[in-house]
């Protein structure tokens, strides 16, 4: 149950980080907002949106990192954790097949051809 909850939080954090990174403006967008293009004084004020989005992105990135570590720890400490080498079985190699005997040149009728 806990494993499933961590997976759900992990996937939601990943989607959230992707979405927040795509929403944020680059550093060049601030100069355009200073000259009146865009909505510089929107919902969060002149510089509040950048701070809110970058803080939220940092928090979601930390959650993603923590859930990644937890999922790694759970996969290493599972009850059925055996290595790949322990799961393989050793079999004896198959005996090579003997190739059919090829007649030598002296046995063939090529020596009967007149010169």
C-alpha atoms as a PDB file:
ATOM      1  CA  UNK A   1       0.000   0.000   0.000  1.00  0.00           C
ATOM      2  CA  UNK A   2       2.749   2.445   0.957  1.00  0.00           C
ATOM      3  CA  UNK A   3       4.678   1.520  -2.174  1.00  0.00           C
ATOM      4  CA  UNK A   4       1.706   2.499  -4.352  1.00  0.00           C
ATOM      5  CA  UNK A   5       1.245   5.825  -2.538  1.00  0.00           C
ATOM      6  CA  UNK A   6       4.904   6.682  -3.067  1.00  0.00           C
ATOM      7  CA  UNK A   7       4.594   5.835  -6.782  1.00  0.00           C
ATOM      8  CA  UNK A   8       1.558   8.109  -7.130  1.00  0.00           C
ATOM      9  CA  UNK A   9       3.313  11.001  -5.331  1.00  0.00           C
ATOM     10  CA  UNK A  10       6.409  10.411  -7.463  1.00  0.00           C
ATOM     11  CA  UNK A  11       4.493  10.580 -10.757  1.00  0.00           C
ATOM     12  CA  UNK A  12       2.485  13.642  -9.654  1.00  0.00           C
ATOM     13  CA  UNK A  13       5.674  15.430  -8.565  1.00  0.00           C
ATOM     14  CA  UNK A  14       7.280  14.648 -11.929  1.00  0.00           C
ATOM     15  CA  UNK A  15       4.293  16.003 -13.839  1.00  0.00           C
ATOM     16  CA  UNK A  16       4.205  19.066 -11.571  1.00  0.00           C
ATOM     17  CA  UNK A  17       7.893  19.836 -12.106  1.00  0.00           C
ATOM     18  CA  UNK A  18       7.496  19.511 -15.871  1.00  0.00           C
ATOM     19  CA  UNK A  19       4.444  21.771 -15.888  1.00  0.00           C
ATOM     20  CA  UNK A  20       5.992  24.428 -13.658  1.00  0.00           C
ATOM     21  CA  UNK A  21       9.193  24.558 -15.667  1.00  0.00           C
ATOM     22  CA  UNK A  22       7.207  25.026 -18.864  1.00  0.00           C
ATOM     23  CA  UNK A  23       5.087  27.804 -17.309  1.00  0.00           C
ATOM     24  CA  UNK A  24       8.023  29.868 -16.046  1.00  0.00           C
ATOM     25  CA  UNK A  25       9.449  32.684 -18.114  1.00  0.00           C
ATOM     26  CA  UNK A  26      13.066  32.845 -19.061  1.00  0.00           C
ATOM     27  CA  UNK A  27      15.398  35.568 -17.820  1.00  0.00           C
ATOM     28  CA  UNK A  28      14.931  37.507 -21.058  1.00  0.00           C
ATOM     29  CA  UNK A  29      11.180  37.846 -20.432  1.00  0.00           C
ATOM     30  CA  UNK A  30      11.740  40.253 -17.519  1.00  0.00           C
ATOM     31  CA  UNK A  31      13.094  42.987 -19.776  1.00  0.00           C
ATOM     32  CA  UNK A  32      10.017  42.818 -21.998  1.00  0.00           C
ATOM     33  CA  UNK A  33       7.711  43.032 -18.991  1.00  0.00           C
ATOM     34  CA  UNK A  34       9.505  46.176 -17.780  1.00  0.00           C
ATOM     35  CA  UNK A  35       8.581  48.036 -20.984  1.00  0.00           C
ATOM     36  CA  UNK A  36       4.896  47.195 -20.784  1.00  0.00           C
ATOM     37  CA  UNK A  37       4.533  44.025 -22.793  1.00  0.00           C
ATOM     38  CA  UNK A  38       2.805  41.142 -21.072  1.00  0.00           C
ATOM     39  CA  UNK A  39       1.070  41.287 -17.714  1.00  0.00           C
ATOM     40  CA  UNK A  40       3.789  42.274 -15.283  1.00  0.00           C
ATOM     41  CA  UNK A  41       1.356  43.196 -12.517  1.00  0.00           C
ATOM     42  CA  UNK A  42      -0.897  40.176 -12.729  1.00  0.00           C
ATOM     43  CA  UNK A  43      -2.022  37.855  -9.969  1.00  0.00           C
ATOM     44  CA  UNK A  44       1.211  37.809  -7.949  1.00  0.00           C
ATOM     45  CA  UNK A  45       2.479  41.346  -8.564  1.00  0.00           C
ATOM     46  CA  UNK A  46       5.513  42.450 -10.533  1.00  0.00           C
ATOM     47  CA  UNK A  47       7.974  39.850  -9.213  1.00  0.00           C
ATOM     48  CA  UNK A  48       5.800  37.567  -7.090  1.00  0.00           C
ATOM     49  CA  UNK A  49       4.977  35.057  -9.832  1.00  0.00           C
ATOM     50  CA  UNK A  50       8.626  34.269 -10.432  1.00  0.00           C
ATOM     51  CA  UNK A  51       9.299  33.703  -6.743  1.00  0.00           C
ATOM     52  CA  UNK A  52       6.168  31.595  -6.252  1.00  0.00           C
ATOM     53  CA  UNK A  53       6.802  29.416  -9.310  1.00  0.00           C
ATOM     54  CA  UNK A  54      10.493  28.920  -8.563  1.00  0.00           C
ATOM     55  CA  UNK A  55       9.803  28.018  -4.918  1.00  0.00           C
ATOM     56  CA  UNK A  56       7.043  25.610  -5.897  1.00  0.00           C
ATOM     57  CA  UNK A  57       9.332  24.041  -8.507  1.00  0.00           C
ATOM     58  CA  UNK A  58      12.075  23.632  -5.903  1.00  0.00           C
ATOM     59  CA  UNK A  59       9.672  21.993  -3.440  1.00  0.00           C
ATOM     60  CA  UNK A  60       8.321  19.594  -6.074  1.00  0.00           C
ATOM     61  CA  UNK A  61      11.874  18.768  -7.186  1.00  0.00           C
ATOM     62  CA  UNK A  62      12.772  17.934  -3.573  1.00  0.00           C
ATOM     63  CA  UNK A  63       9.670  15.720  -3.283  1.00  0.00           C
ATOM     64  CA  UNK A  64      10.608  13.991  -6.557  1.00  0.00           C
ATOM     65  CA  UNK A  65      14.156  13.416  -5.301  1.00  0.00           C
ATOM     66  CA  UNK A  66      12.925  12.041  -1.955  1.00  0.00           C
ATOM     67  CA  UNK A  67      10.424   9.686  -3.578  1.00  0.00           C
ATOM     68  CA  UNK A  68      13.127   8.502  -5.988  1.00  0.00           C
ATOM     69  CA  UNK A  69      15.344   7.600  -3.047  1.00  0.00           C
ATOM     70  CA  UNK A  70      12.476   5.848  -1.251  1.00  0.00           C
ATOM     71  CA  UNK A  71      11.542   3.812  -4.314  1.00  0.00           C
ATOM     72  CA  UNK A  72      15.174   2.818  -4.767  1.00  0.00           C
ATOM     73  CA  UNK A  73      15.425   1.784  -1.133  1.00  0.00           C
ATOM     74  CA  UNK A  74      12.196  -0.243  -1.357  1.00  0.00           C
ATOM     75  CA  UNK A  75      13.363  -2.040  -4.493  1.00  0.00           C
ATOM     76  CA  UNK A  76      16.619  -3.019  -2.800  1.00  0.00           C
ATOM     77  CA  UNK A  77      14.942  -4.291   0.357  1.00  0.00           C
ATOM     78  CA  UNK A  78      12.102  -6.283  -1.172  1.00  0.00           C
ATOM     79  CA  UNK A  79      11.421  -9.765   0.221  1.00  0.00           C
ATOM     80  CA  UNK A  80      12.086 -11.487  -3.077  1.00  0.00           C
ATOM     81  CA  UNK A  81      15.286  -9.635  -3.802  1.00  0.00           C
ATOM     82  CA  UNK A  82      17.659 -12.102  -5.349  1.00  0.00           C
ATOM     83  CA  UNK A  83      20.344 -11.254  -7.799  1.00  0.00           C
ATOM     84  CA  UNK A  84      20.187 -12.235 -11.420  1.00  0.00           C
ATOM     85  CA  UNK A  85      23.110 -14.581 -10.899  1.00  0.00           C
ATOM     86  CA  UNK A  86      21.219 -16.454  -8.175  1.00  0.00           C
ATOM     87  CA  UNK A  87      18.181 -16.879 -10.416  1.00  0.00           C
ATOM     88  CA  UNK A  88      20.091 -18.494 -13.285  1.00  0.00           C
ATOM     89  CA  UNK A  89      20.642 -22.208 -13.511  1.00  0.00           C
ATOM     90  CA  UNK A  90      23.856 -23.733 -14.728  1.00  0.00           C
ATOM     91  CA  UNK A  91      23.444 -26.249 -17.529  1.00  0.00           C
ATOM     92  CA  UNK A  92      26.029 -28.408 -19.194  1.00  0.00           C
ATOM     93  CA  UNK A  93      26.964 -27.288 -22.705  1.00  0.00           C
ATOM     94  CA  UNK A  94      25.628 -29.452 -25.509  1.00  0.00           C
ATOM     95  CA  UNK A  95      28.008 -31.914 -27.055  1.00  0.00           C
ATOM     96  CA  UNK A  96      29.219 -30.721 -30.455  1.00  0.00           C
ATOM     97  CA  UNK A  97      27.858 -32.622 -33.406  1.00  0.00           C
ATOM     98  CA  UNK A  98      30.388 -34.557 -35.420  1.00  0.00           C
ATOM     99  CA  UNK A  99      30.688 -33.260 -38.957  1.00  0.00           C
ATOM    100  CA  UNK A 100      30.213 -35.845 -41.738  1.00  0.00           C
ATOM    101  CA  UNK A 101      33.379 -37.251 -43.226  1.00  0.00           C
ATOM    102  CA  UNK A 102      34.369 -35.556 -46.464  1.00  0.00           C
ATOM    103  CA  UNK A 103      36.083 -37.903 -48.921  1.00  0.00           C
ATOM    104  CA  UNK A 104      39.659 -37.004 -49.632  1.00  0.00           C
ATOM    105  CA  UNK A 105      40.919 -36.138 -53.099  1.00  0.00           C
ATOM    106  CA  UNK A 106      42.667 -39.474 -53.500  1.00  0.00           C
ATOM    107  CA  UNK A 107      39.418 -41.373 -52.874  1.00  0.00           C
ATOM    108  CA  UNK A 108      37.459 -39.535 -55.538  1.00  0.00           C
ATOM    109  CA  UNK A 109      37.276 -40.351 -59.211  1.00  0.00           C
ATOM    110  CA  UNK A 110      39.225 -37.224 -60.113  1.00  0.00           C
ATOM    111  CA  UNK A 111      42.373 -39.315 -60.316  1.00  0.00           C
ATOM    112  CA  UNK A 112      40.819 -41.309 -63.122  1.00  0.00           C
ATOM    113  CA  UNK A 113      40.604 -38.307 -65.441  1.00  0.00           C
ATOM    114  CA  UNK A 114      43.232 -38.647 -68.177  1.00  0.00           C
ATOM    115  CA  UNK A 115      45.838 -35.959 -68.444  1.00  0.00           C
END
